[in-house]
N, C-alpha and C. Protein backbone atom coordinates (compact mmCIF):
# COMPACT_ATOMS: atom_id res chain seq x y z
N MET A 1 21.57 -38.16 -14.22
CA MET A 1 20.30 -38.73 -13.69
C MET A 1 18.84 -38.96 -14.57
N ASN A 2 19.21 -40.28 -13.90
CA ASN A 2 17.63 -40.34 -14.73
C ASN A 2 16.84 -40.28 -14.26
N LYS A 3 15.79 -40.46 -15.02
CA LYS A 3 14.54 -40.06 -14.63
C LYS A 3 13.90 -40.08 -13.25
N HIS A 4 14.69 -41.58 -13.21
CA HIS A 4 13.51 -42.31 -11.28
C HIS A 4 14.24 -41.76 -9.55
N GLU A 5 15.76 -41.36 -10.27
CA GLU A 5 16.56 -40.33 -9.20
C GLU A 5 15.21 -38.48 -9.01
N HIS A 6 15.73 -39.15 -7.49
CA HIS A 6 15.61 -37.63 -6.94
C HIS A 6 16.13 -36.60 -6.67
N ASP A 7 16.03 -35.58 -7.10
CA ASP A 7 16.49 -34.18 -7.57
C ASP A 7 16.58 -33.45 -6.00
N PRO A 8 17.52 -33.50 -5.40
CA PRO A 8 17.18 -32.75 -4.24
C PRO A 8 16.64 -31.17 -4.37
N CYS A 9 17.51 -30.25 -5.44
CA CYS A 9 17.72 -28.66 -5.10
C CYS A 9 16.37 -28.92 -6.55
N MET A 10 14.95 -29.46 -6.49
CA MET A 10 14.47 -29.45 -7.23
C MET A 10 12.64 -28.92 -6.53
N THR A 11 11.97 -27.43 -6.73
CA THR A 11 11.24 -26.62 -6.43
C THR A 11 9.87 -27.44 -6.30
N ALA A 12 9.20 -27.63 -5.12
CA ALA A 12 7.60 -28.04 -5.48
C ALA A 12 6.65 -26.84 -5.02
N PRO A 13 5.77 -26.86 -5.67
CA PRO A 13 4.95 -26.22 -5.28
C PRO A 13 4.16 -26.19 -4.02
N ALA A 14 3.87 -25.34 -3.80
CA ALA A 14 3.53 -25.54 -1.91
C ALA A 14 2.19 -25.76 -1.98
N ALA A 15 1.40 -25.93 -1.29
CA ALA A 15 1.05 -27.12 -0.88
C ALA A 15 -1.09 -26.17 -1.20
N ALA A 16 -1.93 -26.17 -1.65
CA ALA A 16 -3.19 -25.61 -1.53
C ALA A 16 -3.71 -25.40 -0.87
N VAL A 17 -4.29 -23.72 -0.52
CA VAL A 17 -5.04 -24.14 0.60
C VAL A 17 -6.57 -23.75 0.64
N HIS A 18 -7.87 -23.97 1.40
CA HIS A 18 -8.60 -24.01 0.95
C HIS A 18 -9.21 -22.97 2.02
N HIS A 19 -9.85 -22.08 1.79
CA HIS A 19 -10.06 -20.84 2.24
C HIS A 19 -10.96 -20.87 2.70
N VAL A 20 -11.62 -20.43 4.31
CA VAL A 20 -12.94 -20.63 4.40
C VAL A 20 -13.45 -19.33 4.50
N VAL A 21 -14.32 -18.61 3.97
CA VAL A 21 -14.13 -17.00 3.29
C VAL A 21 -14.91 -16.64 4.68
N GLY A 22 -14.64 -15.59 5.23
CA GLY A 22 -14.68 -14.94 6.19
C GLY A 22 -14.65 -15.57 7.59
N GLY A 23 -13.29 -16.66 7.61
CA GLY A 23 -12.95 -17.29 8.95
C GLY A 23 -13.90 -18.10 9.51
N ASP A 24 -14.12 -18.26 11.29
CA ASP A 24 -15.31 -18.66 11.61
C ASP A 24 -16.17 -18.21 11.23
N PRO A 25 -16.63 -16.82 11.55
CA PRO A 25 -18.11 -16.20 11.13
C PRO A 25 -18.81 -16.32 10.16
N GLY A 26 -17.47 -16.94 8.71
CA GLY A 26 -18.15 -17.16 7.36
C GLY A 26 -18.43 -16.55 6.76
N TRP A 27 -19.35 -16.25 5.45
CA TRP A 27 -19.57 -15.63 4.55
C TRP A 27 -20.57 -14.78 5.08
N ALA A 28 -20.60 -13.88 5.90
CA ALA A 28 -21.95 -12.76 6.49
C ALA A 28 -21.37 -11.59 6.64
N VAL A 29 -22.97 -10.39 6.97
CA VAL A 29 -22.13 -8.96 6.86
C VAL A 29 -21.33 -8.82 8.46
N ALA A 30 -21.92 -10.06 9.34
CA ALA A 30 -20.95 -9.58 10.64
C ALA A 30 -20.08 -10.21 10.38
N SER A 31 -19.38 -10.69 9.45
CA SER A 31 -17.97 -11.33 9.68
C SER A 31 -17.12 -9.73 8.17
N ASP A 32 -16.30 -9.51 9.00
CA ASP A 32 -14.92 -8.23 8.00
C ASP A 32 -14.56 -9.16 7.23
N VAL A 33 -15.48 -9.11 6.47
CA VAL A 33 -14.58 -10.19 4.81
C VAL A 33 -13.60 -9.22 3.89
N LEU A 34 -13.61 -8.46 3.69
CA LEU A 34 -12.31 -7.19 3.29
C LEU A 34 -11.40 -7.52 3.94
N ALA A 35 -11.18 -7.00 5.72
CA ALA A 35 -10.32 -7.05 6.54
C ALA A 35 -9.27 -8.85 6.52
N TRP A 36 -10.54 -10.38 6.50
CA TRP A 36 -9.83 -11.02 5.82
C TRP A 36 -8.91 -11.36 5.49
N SER A 37 -9.58 -10.43 4.18
CA SER A 37 -8.73 -11.18 3.35
C SER A 37 -7.45 -10.34 3.01
N ALA A 38 -7.99 -9.29 3.93
CA ALA A 38 -6.42 -8.26 3.46
C ALA A 38 -4.84 -9.41 3.93
N GLY A 39 -5.14 -10.02 5.26
CA GLY A 39 -4.39 -10.72 5.24
C GLY A 39 -3.35 -11.87 4.98
N ARG A 40 -4.38 -12.21 3.46
CA ARG A 40 -3.56 -13.02 2.59
C ARG A 40 -3.57 -13.64 1.94
N LEU A 41 -2.46 -14.55 1.68
CA LEU A 41 -1.53 -15.10 0.32
C LEU A 41 -2.58 -15.79 -0.20
N PHE A 42 -3.12 -15.61 -0.84
CA PHE A 42 -4.21 -16.60 -1.99
C PHE A 42 -2.96 -16.52 -3.39
N THR A 43 -2.95 -18.21 -3.72
CA THR A 43 -2.41 -18.62 -4.92
C THR A 43 -3.04 -19.58 -6.10
N VAL A 44 -2.40 -19.58 -7.48
CA VAL A 44 -2.63 -20.83 -7.94
C VAL A 44 -2.93 -21.49 -7.76
N GLY A 45 -4.51 -22.74 -7.88
CA GLY A 45 -4.74 -24.03 -6.94
C GLY A 45 -5.42 -23.74 -5.95
N ASP A 46 -5.41 -22.98 -5.24
CA ASP A 46 -6.48 -22.70 -3.63
C ASP A 46 -8.02 -22.84 -4.14
N THR A 47 -8.31 -23.18 -2.91
CA THR A 47 -10.07 -22.66 -3.10
C THR A 47 -10.40 -21.71 -2.17
N LEU A 48 -11.49 -21.35 -2.79
CA LEU A 48 -12.79 -20.33 -1.73
C LEU A 48 -13.76 -21.29 -1.11
N TRP A 49 -13.97 -21.16 -0.07
CA TRP A 49 -15.28 -22.14 0.84
C TRP A 49 -16.31 -20.61 1.15
N PHE A 50 -17.26 -20.63 0.32
CA PHE A 50 -18.37 -19.95 1.15
C PHE A 50 -19.31 -20.41 1.83
N ALA A 51 -19.46 -20.16 2.60
CA ALA A 51 -21.28 -20.61 3.13
C ALA A 51 -22.32 -19.88 2.04
N TYR A 52 -23.23 -20.32 1.59
CA TYR A 52 -24.57 -20.27 0.78
C TYR A 52 -23.57 -19.87 -0.87
N GLU A 53 -24.57 -18.67 -1.06
CA GLU A 53 -23.85 -18.14 -2.03
C GLU A 53 -23.26 -16.38 -2.83
N ALA A 54 -23.13 -16.92 -3.99
CA ALA A 54 -22.10 -15.02 -3.97
C ALA A 54 -21.94 -15.31 -5.88
N ALA A 55 -22.01 -14.35 -5.85
CA ALA A 55 -21.80 -13.88 -7.43
C ALA A 55 -20.66 -13.15 -8.07
N GLU A 56 -20.13 -13.37 -8.95
CA GLU A 56 -18.78 -13.89 -9.17
C GLU A 56 -18.89 -12.42 -10.30
N VAL A 57 -18.51 -11.50 -10.05
CA VAL A 57 -18.42 -10.01 -11.19
C VAL A 57 -17.41 -9.87 -12.07
N ALA A 58 -17.31 -9.29 -12.82
CA ALA A 58 -16.06 -9.29 -14.02
C ALA A 58 -15.33 -8.07 -13.26
N GLY A 59 -15.64 -6.84 -12.86
CA GLY A 59 -14.61 -6.19 -12.46
C GLY A 59 -15.03 -5.05 -10.93
N GLU A 60 -14.38 -4.16 -11.02
CA GLU A 60 -13.73 -2.81 -9.78
C GLU A 60 -15.41 -2.33 -10.09
N ALA A 61 -15.78 -1.84 -11.56
CA ALA A 61 -16.88 -1.44 -12.10
C ALA A 61 -18.54 -1.86 -11.13
N GLU A 62 -18.28 -2.88 -11.04
CA GLU A 62 -19.52 -3.42 -10.59
C GLU A 62 -19.33 -3.98 -8.64
N PHE A 63 -18.18 -4.57 -8.66
CA PHE A 63 -18.05 -4.67 -7.33
C PHE A 63 -18.37 -3.54 -6.39
N GLU A 64 -17.89 -2.09 -6.42
CA GLU A 64 -17.67 -1.33 -5.55
C GLU A 64 -19.49 -1.00 -5.37
N PRO A 65 -19.61 -1.13 -6.97
CA PRO A 65 -21.68 -0.05 -5.82
C PRO A 65 -22.34 -1.59 -5.92
N CYS A 66 -22.00 -2.83 -5.89
CA CYS A 66 -22.65 -4.08 -6.05
C CYS A 66 -23.45 -4.57 -6.59
N GLU A 67 -23.24 -4.11 -7.63
CA GLU A 67 -23.82 -4.39 -9.11
C GLU A 67 -24.11 -5.64 -9.22
N ALA A 68 -24.63 -6.07 -9.02
CA ALA A 68 -24.92 -8.24 -9.47
C ALA A 68 -25.19 -8.36 -9.83
N GLY A 69 -25.99 -7.38 -11.36
CA GLY A 69 -27.37 -7.74 -12.39
C GLY A 69 -26.50 -8.83 -12.99
N ASP A 70 -25.37 -8.50 -13.98
CA ASP A 70 -24.78 -9.22 -14.96
C ASP A 70 -24.17 -10.06 -14.12
N PRO A 71 -23.43 -11.06 -13.43
CA PRO A 71 -22.67 -11.92 -12.47
C PRO A 71 -22.04 -12.55 -13.93
N ILE A 72 -20.68 -12.71 -13.57
CA ILE A 72 -19.60 -13.65 -14.91
C ILE A 72 -20.68 -15.13 -14.44
N ARG A 73 -20.80 -15.62 -13.23
CA ARG A 73 -21.04 -16.88 -12.04
C ARG A 73 -21.38 -16.99 -11.11
N THR A 74 -22.37 -17.42 -11.07
CA THR A 74 -23.14 -17.28 -8.99
C THR A 74 -23.23 -18.88 -9.21
N TYR A 75 -22.83 -18.52 -7.84
CA TYR A 75 -22.24 -20.11 -6.93
C TYR A 75 -23.37 -20.15 -5.98
N THR A 76 -24.82 -21.13 -6.36
CA THR A 76 -25.64 -21.41 -5.23
C THR A 76 -25.53 -22.44 -5.12
N ASP A 77 -25.39 -22.92 -3.81
CA ASP A 77 -25.83 -23.95 -3.65
C ASP A 77 -26.22 -24.77 -1.83
N GLY A 78 -27.74 -23.21 -1.89
CA GLY A 78 -28.63 -23.36 -0.56
C GLY A 78 -26.96 -23.17 0.46
N LEU A 79 -27.73 -24.07 1.43
CA LEU A 79 -26.53 -24.34 3.01
C LEU A 79 -25.91 -25.12 2.36
N SER A 80 -25.47 -25.59 1.63
CA SER A 80 -23.62 -26.33 1.47
C SER A 80 -22.79 -25.21 0.86
N ARG A 81 -21.54 -25.23 1.24
CA ARG A 81 -20.74 -24.67 1.22
C ARG A 81 -20.40 -24.93 -0.27
N VAL A 82 -20.21 -23.40 -0.81
CA VAL A 82 -20.22 -23.42 -2.51
C VAL A 82 -18.27 -22.97 -2.06
N ARG A 83 -17.71 -24.28 -3.19
CA ARG A 83 -17.07 -24.00 -3.32
C ARG A 83 -16.10 -23.52 -5.13
N VAL A 84 -15.16 -22.56 -4.71
CA VAL A 84 -14.70 -22.16 -5.72
C VAL A 84 -13.69 -21.57 -5.91
N GLY A 85 -12.54 -22.69 -7.58
CA GLY A 85 -11.54 -22.64 -7.86
C GLY A 85 -10.57 -21.81 -8.13
N LEU A 86 -9.87 -20.71 -7.56
CA LEU A 86 -8.75 -20.49 -8.25
C LEU A 86 -7.58 -20.49 -9.58
N ASP A 87 -8.10 -20.85 -10.32
CA ASP A 87 -7.00 -21.68 -11.13
C ASP A 87 -6.41 -20.35 -12.33
N ASP A 88 -6.80 -19.39 -12.33
CA ASP A 88 -5.62 -18.38 -12.97
C ASP A 88 -5.23 -17.14 -11.87
N GLU A 89 -3.97 -16.18 -12.51
CA GLU A 89 -3.66 -15.35 -11.76
C GLU A 89 -4.64 -14.53 -12.40
N GLY A 90 -4.65 -13.39 -11.21
CA GLY A 90 -5.74 -12.12 -11.50
C GLY A 90 -6.14 -11.92 -10.25
N THR A 91 -7.16 -10.22 -10.42
CA THR A 91 -7.65 -10.59 -9.39
C THR A 91 -9.98 -10.99 -10.09
N ARG A 92 -9.95 -11.77 -9.05
CA ARG A 92 -11.47 -12.13 -9.03
C ARG A 92 -12.16 -11.06 -7.64
N TYR A 93 -13.88 -10.58 -8.28
CA TYR A 93 -14.35 -10.36 -7.59
C TYR A 93 -15.69 -10.65 -7.53
N PHE A 94 -15.81 -10.82 -5.80
CA PHE A 94 -17.63 -12.24 -5.70
C PHE A 94 -18.11 -11.13 -4.41
N LEU A 95 -19.28 -11.06 -5.22
CA LEU A 95 -21.04 -9.80 -4.01
C LEU A 95 -21.18 -11.46 -3.29
N SER A 96 -21.64 -10.79 -2.49
CA SER A 96 -23.26 -11.51 -2.16
C SER A 96 -24.53 -11.33 -2.58
N ALA A 97 -25.82 -11.69 -3.59
CA ALA A 97 -26.25 -11.32 -4.22
C ALA A 97 -27.39 -10.49 -3.82
N ASP A 98 -27.60 -11.06 -2.72
CA ASP A 98 -28.35 -9.79 -1.85
C ASP A 98 -27.97 -8.55 -1.53
N PRO A 99 -28.11 -7.70 -2.45
CA PRO A 99 -27.68 -5.86 -2.75
C PRO A 99 -27.77 -5.31 -1.20
N ALA A 100 -28.50 -5.66 -0.34
CA ALA A 100 -28.35 -4.64 1.03
C ALA A 100 -27.33 -5.61 1.42
N LYS A 101 -26.81 -7.17 1.74
CA LYS A 101 -25.88 -7.28 2.21
C LYS A 101 -24.74 -7.04 1.38
N CYS A 102 -24.52 -6.52 0.13
CA CYS A 102 -23.12 -6.45 -0.22
C CYS A 102 -23.44 -5.06 0.10
N LYS A 103 -23.86 -3.73 0.04
CA LYS A 103 -23.71 -2.86 0.95
C LYS A 103 -23.63 -3.11 2.10
N GLY A 104 -23.21 -3.67 2.44
CA GLY A 104 -23.32 -3.90 4.43
C GLY A 104 -22.13 -3.98 4.33
N GLY A 105 -21.32 -4.83 3.28
CA GLY A 105 -19.57 -5.14 3.19
C GLY A 105 -19.48 -6.51 3.29
N LEU A 106 -20.63 -7.40 2.61
CA LEU A 106 -20.42 -8.73 2.50
C LEU A 106 -20.25 -8.56 0.79
N LYS A 107 -18.75 -8.61 0.62
CA LYS A 107 -18.01 -8.78 -1.02
C LYS A 107 -16.92 -8.80 -0.63
N LEU A 108 -15.93 -9.55 -1.56
CA LEU A 108 -14.52 -10.10 -1.55
C LEU A 108 -13.91 -9.88 -2.77
N ARG A 109 -12.47 -8.86 -2.46
CA ARG A 109 -11.85 -9.00 -3.92
C ARG A 109 -11.01 -10.05 -3.73
N VAL A 110 -9.98 -10.50 -4.32
CA VAL A 110 -9.01 -11.74 -4.30
C VAL A 110 -8.08 -10.80 -5.88
N ASP A 111 -6.81 -11.04 -5.05
CA ASP A 111 -5.69 -10.76 -6.05
C ASP A 111 -5.32 -12.22 -5.83
N VAL A 112 -5.27 -13.48 -7.02
CA VAL A 112 -4.40 -14.35 -7.08
C VAL A 112 -3.41 -14.42 -7.86
N ARG A 113 -2.19 -15.20 -7.11
CA ARG A 113 -0.95 -14.77 -7.84
C ARG A 113 -0.32 -16.51 -8.61
N ALA A 114 0.69 -16.00 -8.37
CA ALA A 114 1.21 -17.65 -9.39
C ALA A 114 1.74 -18.42 -8.31
N THR A 115 1.32 -19.41 -8.11
CA THR A 115 1.90 -20.73 -7.13
C THR A 115 3.22 -20.58 -6.83
N VAL A 116 3.29 -20.10 -5.28
CA VAL A 116 4.73 -19.46 -4.32
C VAL A 116 5.57 -21.45 -4.89
N SER A 117 6.52 -21.95 -5.03
CA SER A 117 7.11 -23.36 -5.35
C SER A 117 8.46 -22.94 -3.87
N VAL A 118 8.64 -23.83 -2.91
CA VAL A 118 9.52 -23.77 -2.04
C VAL A 118 10.45 -24.48 -2.44
N SER A 119 11.35 -24.41 -2.60
CA SER A 119 13.13 -25.62 -2.65
C SER A 119 13.08 -25.95 -0.91
N PRO A 120 13.83 -27.24 -0.88
CA PRO A 120 13.23 -27.84 0.28
C PRO A 120 14.75 -27.35 0.83
N ARG A 121 16.67 -27.46 0.03
CA ARG A 121 17.58 -26.66 0.91
C ARG A 121 16.76 -25.69 1.88
N SER A 122 15.99 -24.19 1.52
CA SER A 122 15.25 -22.87 1.41
C SER A 122 14.83 -23.66 3.08
N VAL A 123 13.53 -24.69 2.41
CA VAL A 123 12.93 -24.90 3.72
C VAL A 123 13.87 -25.45 4.98
N ASP A 124 14.42 -26.28 5.05
CA ASP A 124 15.90 -26.33 5.78
C ASP A 124 16.56 -25.47 6.68
N ARG A 125 16.91 -24.37 5.28
CA ARG A 125 17.84 -23.35 5.75
C ARG A 125 16.51 -22.33 7.25
N ALA A 126 15.64 -22.44 6.36
CA ALA A 126 14.69 -21.48 7.87
C ALA A 126 14.58 -22.71 9.22
N ALA A 127 13.45 -23.60 8.19
CA ALA A 127 14.39 -23.90 9.86
C ALA A 127 15.40 -24.49 11.19
N ALA A 128 16.11 -24.21 10.33
CA ALA A 128 18.08 -24.14 11.22
C ALA A 128 17.61 -23.58 11.67
N ALA A 129 17.61 -21.77 10.96
CA ALA A 129 17.37 -20.37 11.67
C ALA A 129 16.50 -20.23 12.44
N ALA A 130 15.37 -21.44 12.66
CA ALA A 130 14.43 -20.75 13.74
C ALA A 130 14.69 -21.53 15.54
N PRO A 131 14.42 -20.39 15.98
CA PRO A 131 14.56 -20.58 17.37
C PRO A 131 14.05 -21.90 18.15
N ALA A 132 15.21 -22.59 18.84
CA ALA A 132 14.39 -24.18 19.44
C ALA A 132 13.23 -23.71 20.51
N PRO A 133 12.37 -24.51 20.60
CA PRO A 133 11.35 -23.90 21.99
C PRO A 133 12.22 -24.82 23.22
N PRO A 134 11.86 -23.65 24.19
CA PRO A 134 12.35 -24.44 25.92
C PRO A 134 11.77 -26.10 25.47
N ALA A 135 12.88 -26.68 26.57
CA ALA A 135 12.08 -27.93 26.51
C ALA A 135 10.99 -28.14 27.36
N SER A 136 10.64 -27.78 27.91
CA SER A 136 9.85 -27.98 28.82
C SER A 136 8.59 -27.72 27.85
N SER A 137 8.57 -26.77 26.58
CA SER A 137 6.91 -26.41 26.14
C SER A 137 6.47 -27.86 25.19
N GLY A 138 7.27 -28.44 24.59
CA GLY A 138 6.73 -29.62 24.44
C GLY A 138 6.55 -29.43 22.31
N THR A 139 5.71 -30.57 22.06
CA THR A 139 5.10 -30.55 20.48
C THR A 139 4.75 -28.95 19.65
N GLN A 140 3.42 -28.25 21.12
CA GLN A 140 2.80 -27.07 20.90
C GLN A 140 3.57 -26.31 20.44
N ALA A 141 4.84 -26.08 21.03
CA ALA A 141 5.66 -24.46 20.51
C ALA A 141 6.57 -24.91 19.69
N VAL A 142 6.38 -25.87 18.72
CA VAL A 142 6.74 -26.34 17.55
C VAL A 142 6.10 -26.08 16.39
N VAL A 143 4.98 -26.05 16.54
CA VAL A 143 4.18 -26.13 15.34
C VAL A 143 3.85 -24.87 14.85
N PRO A 144 3.62 -23.81 15.59
CA PRO A 144 3.83 -22.60 15.57
C PRO A 144 5.60 -21.94 14.51
N LEU A 145 6.41 -22.29 15.54
CA LEU A 145 7.69 -22.29 14.86
C LEU A 145 8.06 -22.40 13.04
N VAL A 146 7.87 -23.69 13.09
CA VAL A 146 7.82 -24.57 11.85
C VAL A 146 6.63 -24.25 10.73
N ARG A 147 5.44 -23.55 11.06
CA ARG A 147 4.12 -22.36 10.38
C ARG A 147 4.79 -21.28 9.95
N ARG A 148 4.86 -20.70 11.17
CA ARG A 148 5.50 -19.09 11.21
C ARG A 148 6.87 -19.61 10.07
N ALA A 149 8.24 -20.35 9.58
CA ALA A 149 9.44 -20.55 9.56
C ALA A 149 9.11 -20.69 7.49
N LEU A 150 7.74 -21.75 7.69
CA LEU A 150 7.20 -21.89 6.15
C LEU A 150 6.68 -20.73 5.59
N CYS A 151 5.98 -20.09 6.08
CA CYS A 151 5.88 -18.96 6.09
C CYS A 151 6.41 -17.83 5.16
N LEU A 152 8.40 -17.68 6.11
CA LEU A 152 8.59 -17.12 5.83
C LEU A 152 9.12 -17.33 4.64
N VAL A 153 9.61 -18.41 4.41
CA VAL A 153 10.69 -19.27 3.08
C VAL A 153 9.61 -18.53 2.58
N SER A 154 8.89 -19.36 2.16
CA SER A 154 7.80 -18.87 0.63
C SER A 154 7.53 -17.50 0.57
N VAL A 155 7.45 -16.67 1.66
CA VAL A 155 6.85 -15.45 1.01
C VAL A 155 8.39 -14.81 0.44
N TRP A 156 9.19 -15.12 1.11
CA TRP A 156 11.46 -14.96 0.40
C TRP A 156 10.96 -15.48 -0.43
N CYS A 157 11.20 -16.86 -0.72
CA CYS A 157 10.62 -16.95 -2.30
C CYS A 157 10.18 -16.56 -3.57
N PHE A 158 8.75 -16.18 -3.10
CA PHE A 158 7.84 -15.77 -3.94
C PHE A 158 8.82 -14.00 -4.00
N LEU A 159 8.89 -13.42 -3.49
CA LEU A 159 9.83 -12.43 -3.47
C LEU A 159 11.09 -11.97 -4.49
N PHE A 160 12.01 -12.59 -4.14
CA PHE A 160 13.02 -13.18 -4.79
C PHE A 160 13.78 -14.24 -5.63
N LEU A 161 12.75 -14.75 -6.00
CA LEU A 161 12.77 -16.09 -7.20
C LEU A 161 11.67 -15.83 -7.88
N GLY A 162 10.75 -14.57 -7.92
CA GLY A 162 10.09 -14.44 -9.18
C GLY A 162 9.20 -14.84 -9.52
N ALA A 163 8.42 -14.20 -9.40
CA ALA A 163 6.69 -14.79 -9.55
C ALA A 163 5.57 -13.83 -10.40
């Protein structure tokens, strides 16, 4: 096979995800940031978007008591969104620079994992295994099924193909 031919068995990295920290409420005490992050998979190449400012601390010792006195980095852009790239595997810790807000729950622990690769054959099999939507439901019913299938394939690849 020459370098210009496409190998259909090759795996491609999953697309990077831009996570708006806290979802709709954003980076605010009112949003339960820890609960928001619990159901998410963060991988190398993803981006976190904070509204307002955040401080990144070295570890659990600073994270738990909300001690941002000597942060690794501070992300401050005023009222604009602060973009933080997740470039390496490992755990990262973010706090509100305001101790009262941090103690009110405005802090985030992110476990960054290796990029998940998805095999085109796996996606085809998962899509074929997904039940077909009712004929009257139109394309709106297809989108959640495709997303669910891709999510299942990504998790399967991550768990069984090693990461």
